[in-house]
Amino acid sequence: MSDDPKNMALTNLEALSLANHDFSFSLYKELAKTETGNIFYSPFSIHVIMFMASVGAASKTFDEMIKTIHLNETTHSLEAYKNLLKDLTSENDNLKLATGMFVDTAFNVKDSFVENSKKYLKSSMEKLNFKSDPDQQRQYLNNWVLSKTNNKIKDLFPKDSITQATALVLANAVHFKSAWAHKFNDAEDDSFYVTPSNKVTVKMMTLRHDLQYYHDSDLKFAALELPYEHHAFKMIILLPDAKDGLKDLENNFSKIKLHEISNKMTQYHVTVKLPRFKLEQSLQLEETLSNLGCPTMFTRAANFSNIVEDGDLYVSKVMHKAYVDVNEKGTEAAAATGMQFALLSAWIPEPSPKVDFHANHPFVIVILSGTNDVLFQGRLSKP
């Protein structure tokens, strides 16, 4: 890390992107230990809420939390986070991010913490009386999430997830919707190999276009970039060469850095076949995060002395839900009419080499911002 103050702001933002990337892959590995089918989550959204809670933490709790989200004392910066959120959410309507902390009314929350959460993290901080009517508060939380996500994310908190003993709830939800820069043809029935010997019929979409593509012959997978309109976001698909190659690809995650893959990509004329798919997943993350290195925050030994003056505040729930819908028009089903203007160029470009990219077996998807922040990651093992 450079100590030159000119570089500091930039480095912190870069460090944040890198932390988000590494956190995303470590989350994936942890989730893959127990989740057998499809996986879908927003590492960015979980990172934000963990960061916010870490701002209120001290001593061992703080150390564990920032290590888990791949930051350190230097890169743990409210200012950098503020800039990142501004970059991601100010420009467009595609990304809806809801972040909130809800503390039981028995606790006396510090003003400074509430102010920082609002000012830097666009988060709300509310006090709820969990003791008197936990189920009413659960419904309140679910409505809060619903209103922040275009009515897409329902019932983040399942029945009995909020009890009279609930002290601190971290909630976030994220909803993404965008049309593709290049629309696919209407989907047709085709085969998807869940395993080499078990195929199912899916609606398969086709696109023929010049796209950024890279094949890794060592790790045996292909990577394709599908831009969304206005190129503010993009989806990268990592497709194993072998029909049953996903496990090997996942085991090689430590060798994979998305920005390096992006740099290695070159333009090909690609025939893409991609199934329509919808993924929605709710995750209760206490155990996952605990396993990733921050168990103390969930116990009575937790230290959140920067949130409350007194009392043993600890995190009782971390709920996360993410939703994606990929079809011919784009991601999330809302019809959008857009005019495309082609730039007329005076020179005739060299024709791109041709390549096929048939996503007809399990693959990994990542949705990134223009600045390569991992907004969503997951795998489609069965459409």
Protein backbone atom coordinates (compact mmCIF):
# COMPACT_ATOMS: atom_id res chain seq x y z
CA MET A 1 0.00 0.00 0.00
CA SER A 2 1.33 3.40 -0.91
CA ASP A 3 1.42 6.09 1.74
CA ASP A 4 1.16 8.95 -0.72
CA PRO A 5 -2.09 10.75 0.21
CA LYS A 6 -2.88 11.38 -3.48
CA ASN A 7 -3.07 7.63 -3.98
CA MET A 8 -4.90 6.86 -0.78
CA ALA A 9 -8.47 7.60 -1.88
CA LEU A 10 -8.02 5.66 -5.06
CA THR A 11 -6.28 2.80 -3.32
CA ASN A 12 -9.06 2.53 -0.76
CA LEU A 13 -11.67 2.29 -3.48
CA GLU A 14 -9.59 -0.29 -5.32
CA ALA A 15 -8.99 -2.15 -2.07
CA LEU A 16 -12.76 -2.16 -1.50
CA SER A 17 -13.41 -3.67 -4.94
CA LEU A 18 -10.77 -6.29 -4.35
CA ALA A 19 -12.16 -7.07 -0.89
CA ASN A 20 -15.61 -7.42 -2.37
CA HIS A 21 -14.27 -9.82 -5.03
CA ASP A 22 -12.38 -12.02 -2.58
CA PHE A 23 -15.27 -11.99 -0.11
CA SER A 24 -17.60 -13.06 -2.91
CA PHE A 25 -15.53 -16.10 -3.81
CA SER A 26 -15.02 -17.10 -0.17
CA LEU A 27 -18.79 -16.86 0.39
CA TYR A 28 -19.42 -19.01 -2.66
CA LYS A 29 -17.08 -21.72 -1.40
CA GLU A 30 -18.73 -21.70 2.02
CA LEU A 31 -22.25 -21.80 0.58
CA ALA A 32 -21.31 -24.58 -1.85
CA LYS A 33 -20.45 -26.83 1.11
CA THR A 34 -24.12 -27.08 2.07
CA GLU A 35 -26.12 -25.88 -0.94
CA THR A 36 -26.52 -28.64 -3.50
CA GLY A 37 -28.44 -26.93 -6.32
CA ASN A 38 -28.48 -23.41 -7.66
CA ILE A 39 -26.81 -20.65 -5.65
CA PHE A 40 -27.50 -16.95 -5.93
CA TYR A 41 -26.56 -14.08 -3.64
CA SER A 42 -25.25 -10.53 -3.66
CA PRO A 43 -21.79 -10.40 -2.08
CA PHE A 44 -21.86 -6.65 -2.45
CA SER A 45 -25.02 -6.31 -0.42
CA ILE A 46 -23.75 -8.64 2.31
CA HIS A 47 -20.42 -6.82 2.35
CA VAL A 48 -22.19 -3.48 2.89
CA ILE A 49 -24.14 -4.69 5.87
CA MET A 50 -21.14 -6.41 7.44
CA PHE A 51 -19.12 -3.25 6.95
CA MET A 52 -21.84 -1.18 8.55
CA ALA A 53 -22.04 -3.44 11.58
CA SER A 54 -18.24 -3.49 11.84
CA VAL A 55 -18.26 0.31 12.14
CA GLY A 56 -20.17 -0.25 15.40
CA ALA A 57 -17.90 -3.03 16.61
CA ALA A 58 -14.77 -2.89 18.75
CA SER A 59 -11.86 -5.10 19.86
CA LYS A 60 -11.99 -8.78 18.87
CA THR A 61 -15.43 -8.47 17.26
CA PHE A 62 -14.17 -5.69 14.99
CA ASP A 63 -10.95 -7.52 14.09
CA GLU A 64 -12.82 -10.69 13.13
CA MET A 65 -15.41 -8.82 11.11
CA ILE A 66 -13.05 -6.77 8.99
CA LYS A 67 -10.86 -9.78 8.34
CA THR A 68 -13.92 -11.75 7.20
CA ILE A 69 -14.83 -9.04 4.69
CA HIS A 70 -11.20 -8.88 3.49
CA LEU A 71 -10.42 -5.40 4.77
CA ASN A 72 -7.84 -4.16 7.26
CA GLU A 73 -7.42 -1.10 9.49
CA THR A 74 -6.10 0.96 6.55
CA THR A 75 -8.67 -0.03 3.95
CA HIS A 76 -11.61 0.11 6.36
CA SER A 77 -12.86 3.47 5.13
CA LEU A 78 -16.33 5.03 5.36
CA GLU A 79 -15.36 7.58 2.74
CA ALA A 80 -14.41 4.88 0.22
CA TYR A 81 -17.70 3.09 0.83
CA LYS A 82 -19.65 6.28 0.32
CA ASN A 83 -17.98 6.79 -3.07
CA LEU A 84 -18.58 3.21 -4.10
CA LEU A 85 -22.29 3.36 -3.28
CA LYS A 86 -22.59 6.66 -5.09
CA ASP A 87 -20.96 5.17 -8.20
CA LEU A 88 -23.28 2.20 -8.17
CA THR A 89 -26.67 3.59 -7.34
CA SER A 90 -26.75 7.22 -8.41
CA GLU A 91 -26.50 6.82 -12.16
CA ASN A 92 -29.35 4.51 -12.88
CA ASP A 93 -32.44 2.80 -11.77
CA ASN A 94 -31.20 -0.70 -12.48
CA LEU A 95 -29.96 -1.47 -9.02
CA LYS A 96 -32.11 -1.20 -5.92
CA LEU A 97 -30.24 -1.68 -2.70
CA ALA A 98 -31.85 -1.72 0.70
CA THR A 99 -29.73 -1.80 3.82
CA GLY A 100 -31.04 -1.50 7.32
CA MET A 101 -30.21 -2.20 10.93
CA PHE A 102 -32.92 -2.73 13.44
CA VAL A 103 -32.16 -2.59 17.15
CA ASP A 104 -34.43 -3.50 20.00
CA THR A 105 -35.82 -0.45 21.83
CA ALA A 106 -34.24 -1.66 25.07
CA PHE A 107 -30.88 -0.42 23.77
CA ASN A 108 -29.67 3.13 23.73
CA VAL A 109 -28.19 3.68 20.28
CA LYS A 110 -25.40 6.23 19.82
CA ASP A 111 -26.26 9.21 17.60
CA SER A 112 -22.86 9.10 15.92
CA PHE A 113 -23.52 5.58 14.67
CA VAL A 114 -26.93 6.46 13.27
CA GLU A 115 -25.47 9.52 11.52
CA ASN A 116 -22.58 7.59 9.98
CA SER A 117 -24.91 4.88 8.71
CA LYS A 118 -27.10 7.43 6.97
CA LYS A 119 -24.36 9.71 5.72
CA TYR A 120 -21.94 7.14 4.38
CA LEU A 121 -23.90 3.96 3.83
CA LYS A 122 -27.36 5.14 2.75
CA SER A 123 -28.69 2.90 5.45
CA SER A 124 -31.53 3.26 7.82
CA MET A 125 -31.17 2.57 11.49
CA GLU A 126 -34.41 1.97 13.32
CA LYS A 127 -35.49 0.93 16.78
CA LEU A 128 -38.14 -1.75 16.99
CA ASN A 129 -39.84 -3.24 19.99
CA PHE A 130 -39.07 -6.90 19.41
CA LYS A 131 -40.09 -7.85 22.95
CA SER A 132 -43.72 -6.75 22.77
CA ASP A 133 -44.78 -8.22 19.42
CA PRO A 134 -42.06 -9.98 17.47
CA ASP A 135 -44.34 -11.12 14.68
CA GLN A 136 -45.63 -7.64 14.01
CA GLN A 137 -42.03 -6.44 13.75
CA ARG A 138 -41.26 -9.31 11.37
CA GLN A 139 -44.07 -8.12 9.11
CA TYR A 140 -42.80 -4.57 9.39
CA LEU A 141 -39.34 -5.71 8.29
CA ASN A 142 -40.75 -7.69 5.36
CA ASN A 143 -42.78 -4.69 4.20
CA TRP A 144 -39.73 -2.47 4.52
CA VAL A 145 -37.78 -4.77 2.19
CA LEU A 146 -40.68 -5.10 -0.23
CA SER A 147 -41.03 -1.35 -0.60
CA LYS A 148 -37.31 -0.93 -1.25
CA THR A 149 -37.03 -3.57 -3.97
CA ASN A 150 -39.77 -2.81 -6.47
CA ASN A 151 -42.07 -5.24 -4.63
CA LYS A 152 -39.88 -8.09 -5.87
CA ILE A 153 -38.43 -9.40 -2.64
CA LYS A 154 -41.13 -10.76 -0.41
CA ASP A 155 -40.95 -12.39 3.00
CA LEU A 156 -37.27 -11.91 3.68
CA PHE A 157 -37.98 -12.90 7.27
CA PRO A 158 -39.76 -16.25 7.50
CA LYS A 159 -42.17 -17.15 10.28
CA ASP A 160 -40.57 -17.36 13.75
CA SER A 161 -37.30 -15.80 12.57
CA ILE A 162 -37.92 -12.82 14.86
CA THR A 163 -38.47 -13.60 18.53
CA GLN A 164 -38.68 -11.71 21.81
CA ALA A 165 -34.98 -12.38 22.28
CA THR A 166 -34.04 -10.61 19.03
CA ALA A 167 -31.61 -7.79 19.76
CA LEU A 168 -30.07 -6.63 16.50
CA VAL A 169 -31.16 -7.49 12.97
CA LEU A 170 -29.13 -6.77 9.87
CA ALA A 171 -31.28 -6.80 6.77
CA ASN A 172 -30.54 -6.15 3.20
CA ALA A 173 -32.03 -6.87 -0.10
CA VAL A 174 -30.95 -6.08 -3.56
CA HIS A 175 -32.83 -6.10 -6.81
CA PHE A 176 -31.34 -5.72 -10.25
CA LYS A 177 -33.12 -5.16 -13.52
CA SER A 178 -31.64 -4.31 -16.88
CA ALA A 179 -32.07 -4.97 -20.57
CA TRP A 180 -29.23 -6.55 -22.52
CA ALA A 181 -27.10 -4.39 -24.77
CA HIS A 182 -27.68 -7.09 -27.42
CA LYS A 183 -31.05 -8.83 -27.27
CA PHE A 184 -31.29 -12.59 -27.68
CA ASN A 185 -33.54 -14.34 -30.20
CA ASP A 186 -36.70 -15.93 -28.86
CA ALA A 187 -35.98 -19.00 -26.83
CA GLU A 188 -36.54 -22.48 -28.23
CA ASP A 189 -36.69 -25.85 -26.51
CA ASP A 190 -33.26 -27.40 -26.10
CA SER A 191 -31.38 -29.72 -23.77
CA PHE A 192 -29.53 -28.78 -20.59
CA TYR A 193 -27.30 -31.46 -19.05
CA VAL A 194 -27.77 -31.37 -15.29
CA THR A 195 -25.28 -34.26 -15.32
CA PRO A 196 -23.69 -35.88 -18.39
CA SER A 197 -26.38 -38.58 -18.32
CA ASN A 198 -29.36 -36.54 -17.13
CA LYS A 199 -30.73 -33.87 -19.44
CA VAL A 200 -33.76 -31.66 -19.04
CA THR A 201 -35.58 -29.56 -21.61
CA VAL A 202 -35.17 -25.81 -21.18
CA LYS A 203 -36.00 -22.65 -23.10
CA MET A 204 -32.67 -21.85 -24.75
CA MET A 205 -31.98 -18.34 -26.06
CA THR A 206 -29.56 -17.61 -28.90
CA LEU A 207 -27.42 -14.57 -29.67
CA ARG A 208 -24.82 -14.11 -32.42
CA HIS A 209 -22.68 -11.08 -31.79
CA ASP A 210 -19.17 -9.75 -31.38
CA LEU A 211 -18.47 -10.26 -27.69
CA GLN A 212 -15.58 -10.37 -25.25
CA TYR A 213 -14.49 -13.99 -24.78
CA TYR A 214 -11.61 -15.90 -23.25
CA HIS A 215 -10.79 -19.59 -23.01
CA ASP A 216 -8.54 -20.91 -20.26
CA SER A 217 -6.94 -24.11 -21.44
CA ASP A 218 -5.21 -24.78 -18.09
CA LEU A 219 -8.30 -24.55 -15.91
CA LYS A 220 -10.54 -25.80 -18.74
CA PHE A 221 -13.30 -23.22 -18.87
CA ALA A 222 -14.53 -20.46 -21.14
CA ALA A 223 -15.49 -16.97 -20.01
CA LEU A 224 -17.96 -14.75 -21.82
CA GLU A 225 -19.01 -11.18 -21.13
CA LEU A 226 -22.60 -10.13 -21.86
CA PRO A 227 -23.03 -6.38 -21.46
CA TYR A 228 -26.25 -4.78 -20.26
CA GLU A 229 -27.61 -1.70 -21.97
CA HIS A 230 -25.63 1.51 -21.45
CA HIS A 231 -22.77 -0.82 -20.42
CA ALA A 232 -23.12 0.16 -16.76
CA PHE A 233 -23.30 -3.52 -15.78
CA LYS A 234 -22.25 -6.81 -17.31
CA MET A 235 -22.72 -10.50 -16.76
CA ILE A 236 -19.73 -12.80 -16.94
CA ILE A 237 -20.41 -16.49 -17.42
CA LEU A 238 -17.78 -19.06 -16.53
CA LEU A 239 -18.58 -22.24 -18.41
CA PRO A 240 -16.58 -25.41 -17.74
CA ASP A 241 -15.45 -27.28 -20.86
CA ALA A 242 -16.76 -30.58 -19.50
CA LYS A 243 -20.46 -31.17 -18.88
CA ASP A 244 -19.57 -32.21 -15.34
CA GLY A 245 -16.71 -29.72 -14.95
CA LEU A 246 -18.32 -27.34 -12.46
CA LYS A 247 -16.84 -28.98 -9.37
CA ASP A 248 -13.30 -28.70 -10.78
CA LEU A 249 -13.90 -25.08 -11.71
CA GLU A 250 -15.13 -24.31 -8.18
CA ASN A 251 -12.10 -26.03 -6.71
CA ASN A 252 -9.90 -23.74 -8.80
CA PHE A 253 -11.56 -20.54 -7.59
CA SER A 254 -8.45 -19.50 -5.67
CA LYS A 255 -6.66 -19.21 -9.04
CA ILE A 256 -9.40 -17.11 -10.62
CA LYS A 257 -9.51 -13.31 -10.52
CA LEU A 258 -12.30 -11.75 -12.55
CA HIS A 259 -10.39 -8.58 -13.45
CA GLU A 260 -7.57 -10.73 -14.82
CA ILE A 261 -10.06 -12.70 -16.90
CA SER A 262 -11.57 -9.43 -18.19
CA ASN A 263 -8.10 -8.24 -19.20
CA LYS A 264 -7.42 -11.48 -21.09
CA MET A 265 -10.67 -11.34 -23.04
CA THR A 266 -10.64 -10.46 -26.72
CA GLN A 267 -13.35 -9.94 -29.28
CA TYR A 268 -14.83 -13.00 -30.96
CA HIS A 269 -17.93 -13.46 -33.05
CA VAL A 270 -19.74 -15.66 -30.57
CA THR A 271 -22.78 -17.86 -31.02
CA VAL A 272 -24.21 -17.90 -27.52
CA LYS A 273 -26.78 -20.37 -26.30
CA LEU A 274 -28.05 -19.56 -22.82
CA PRO A 275 -31.06 -20.93 -20.96
CA ARG A 276 -33.69 -18.61 -19.58
CA PHE A 277 -33.47 -18.79 -15.82
CA LYS A 278 -34.83 -17.30 -12.67
CA LEU A 279 -32.98 -17.56 -9.39
CA GLU A 280 -34.21 -16.40 -6.05
CA GLN A 281 -32.52 -17.36 -2.86
CA SER A 282 -32.94 -16.50 0.77
CA LEU A 283 -29.98 -17.08 2.98
CA GLN A 284 -29.67 -17.02 6.71
CA LEU A 285 -26.03 -16.17 7.10
CA GLU A 286 -25.15 -16.47 10.78
CA GLU A 287 -23.44 -19.83 10.42
CA THR A 288 -21.81 -19.03 7.06
CA LEU A 289 -20.26 -15.81 8.34
CA SER A 290 -19.26 -17.46 11.57
CA ASN A 291 -17.42 -20.16 9.60
CA LEU A 292 -15.74 -17.50 7.48
CA GLY A 293 -14.11 -16.04 10.57
CA CYS A 294 -16.40 -13.87 12.70
CA PRO A 295 -18.15 -16.06 15.29
CA THR A 296 -17.93 -13.53 18.13
CA MET A 297 -20.50 -11.09 16.71
CA PHE A 298 -23.22 -13.74 17.18
CA THR A 299 -22.46 -14.46 20.83
CA ARG A 300 -22.89 -12.66 24.13
CA ALA A 301 -19.17 -11.92 23.98
CA ALA A 302 -19.78 -9.55 21.05
CA ASN A 303 -18.58 -5.98 21.46
CA PHE A 304 -20.73 -3.39 19.69
CA SER A 305 -19.78 -0.57 22.00
CA ASN A 306 -19.77 1.89 19.09
CA ILE A 307 -23.49 1.27 18.54
CA VAL A 308 -24.80 1.23 22.10
CA GLU A 309 -23.64 2.82 25.32
CA ASP A 310 -24.58 -0.12 27.49
CA GLY A 311 -25.79 -3.67 27.40
CA ASP A 312 -24.70 -6.77 25.59
CA LEU A 313 -25.80 -6.20 22.04
CA TYR A 314 -25.07 -9.02 19.64
CA VAL A 315 -26.28 -9.95 16.17
CA SER A 316 -29.17 -12.36 16.25
CA LYS A 317 -29.96 -12.54 12.53
CA VAL A 318 -28.38 -11.80 9.19
CA MET A 319 -30.93 -12.31 6.44
CA HIS A 320 -30.21 -11.90 2.79
CA LYS A 321 -32.29 -12.41 -0.30
CA ALA A 322 -31.37 -11.93 -3.91
CA TYR A 323 -33.38 -12.26 -7.08
CA VAL A 324 -32.50 -12.50 -10.74
CA ASP A 325 -34.54 -13.23 -13.81
CA VAL A 326 -32.67 -13.72 -17.09
CA ASN A 327 -34.61 -13.79 -20.36
CA GLU A 328 -34.31 -12.63 -23.99
CA LYS A 329 -34.93 -8.97 -23.23
CA GLY A 330 -32.60 -8.78 -20.29
CA THR A 331 -32.42 -9.52 -16.65
CA GLU A 332 -35.67 -9.28 -14.68
CA ALA A 333 -38.85 -9.42 -16.62
CA ALA A 334 -40.01 -5.97 -17.43
CA ALA A 335 -40.53 -5.12 -21.03
CA ALA A 336 -38.39 -2.22 -22.08
CA THR A 337 -38.38 -0.54 -25.44
CA GLY A 338 -35.06 0.89 -26.39
CA MET A 339 -33.78 2.31 -29.62
CA GLN A 340 -30.34 1.27 -30.60
CA PHE A 341 -28.19 3.68 -32.53
CA ALA A 342 -25.38 2.12 -34.45
CA LEU A 343 -22.27 4.18 -34.89
CA LEU A 344 -21.32 4.36 -38.54
CA SER A 345 -17.64 3.82 -38.89
CA ALA A 346 -15.57 4.67 -41.93
CA TRP A 347 -13.26 1.70 -41.63
CA ILE A 348 -14.16 -1.93 -42.18
CA PRO A 349 -12.95 -3.89 -39.16
CA GLU A 350 -11.23 -7.22 -39.42
CA PRO A 351 -13.80 -9.96 -38.96
CA SER A 352 -13.59 -11.48 -35.48
CA PRO A 353 -12.70 -15.15 -35.08
CA LYS A 354 -15.80 -17.28 -34.57
CA VAL A 355 -16.51 -19.34 -31.46
CA ASP A 356 -19.46 -21.20 -29.93
CA PHE A 357 -20.49 -20.73 -26.32
CA HIS A 358 -23.19 -23.25 -25.47
CA ALA A 359 -24.21 -22.96 -21.84
CA ASN A 360 -26.02 -26.29 -21.85
CA HIS A 361 -24.56 -27.61 -18.59
CA PRO A 362 -23.94 -26.14 -15.09
CA PHE A 363 -22.07 -22.83 -15.04
CA VAL A 364 -21.12 -19.92 -12.78
CA ILE A 365 -22.58 -16.44 -13.27
CA VAL A 366 -21.32 -13.13 -11.98
CA ILE A 367 -22.99 -9.75 -12.45
CA LEU A 368 -20.54 -6.87 -12.18
CA SER A 369 -20.66 -3.11 -12.25
CA GLY A 370 -18.71 -1.15 -14.83
CA THR A 371 -15.96 -0.79 -12.23
CA ASN A 372 -15.88 -4.57 -11.71
CA ASP A 373 -17.60 -4.72 -8.34
CA VAL A 374 -19.22 -8.09 -7.86
CA LEU A 375 -22.90 -7.36 -7.37
CA PHE A 376 -24.18 -10.91 -7.71
CA GLN A 377 -22.63 -14.31 -7.95
CA GLY A 378 -24.04 -17.76 -8.20
CA ARG A 379 -24.30 -20.93 -10.18
CA LEU A 380 -26.97 -22.45 -12.33
CA SER A 381 -26.89 -26.19 -11.94
CA LYS A 382 -30.51 -26.73 -12.90
CA PRO A 383 -32.60 -24.11 -14.72
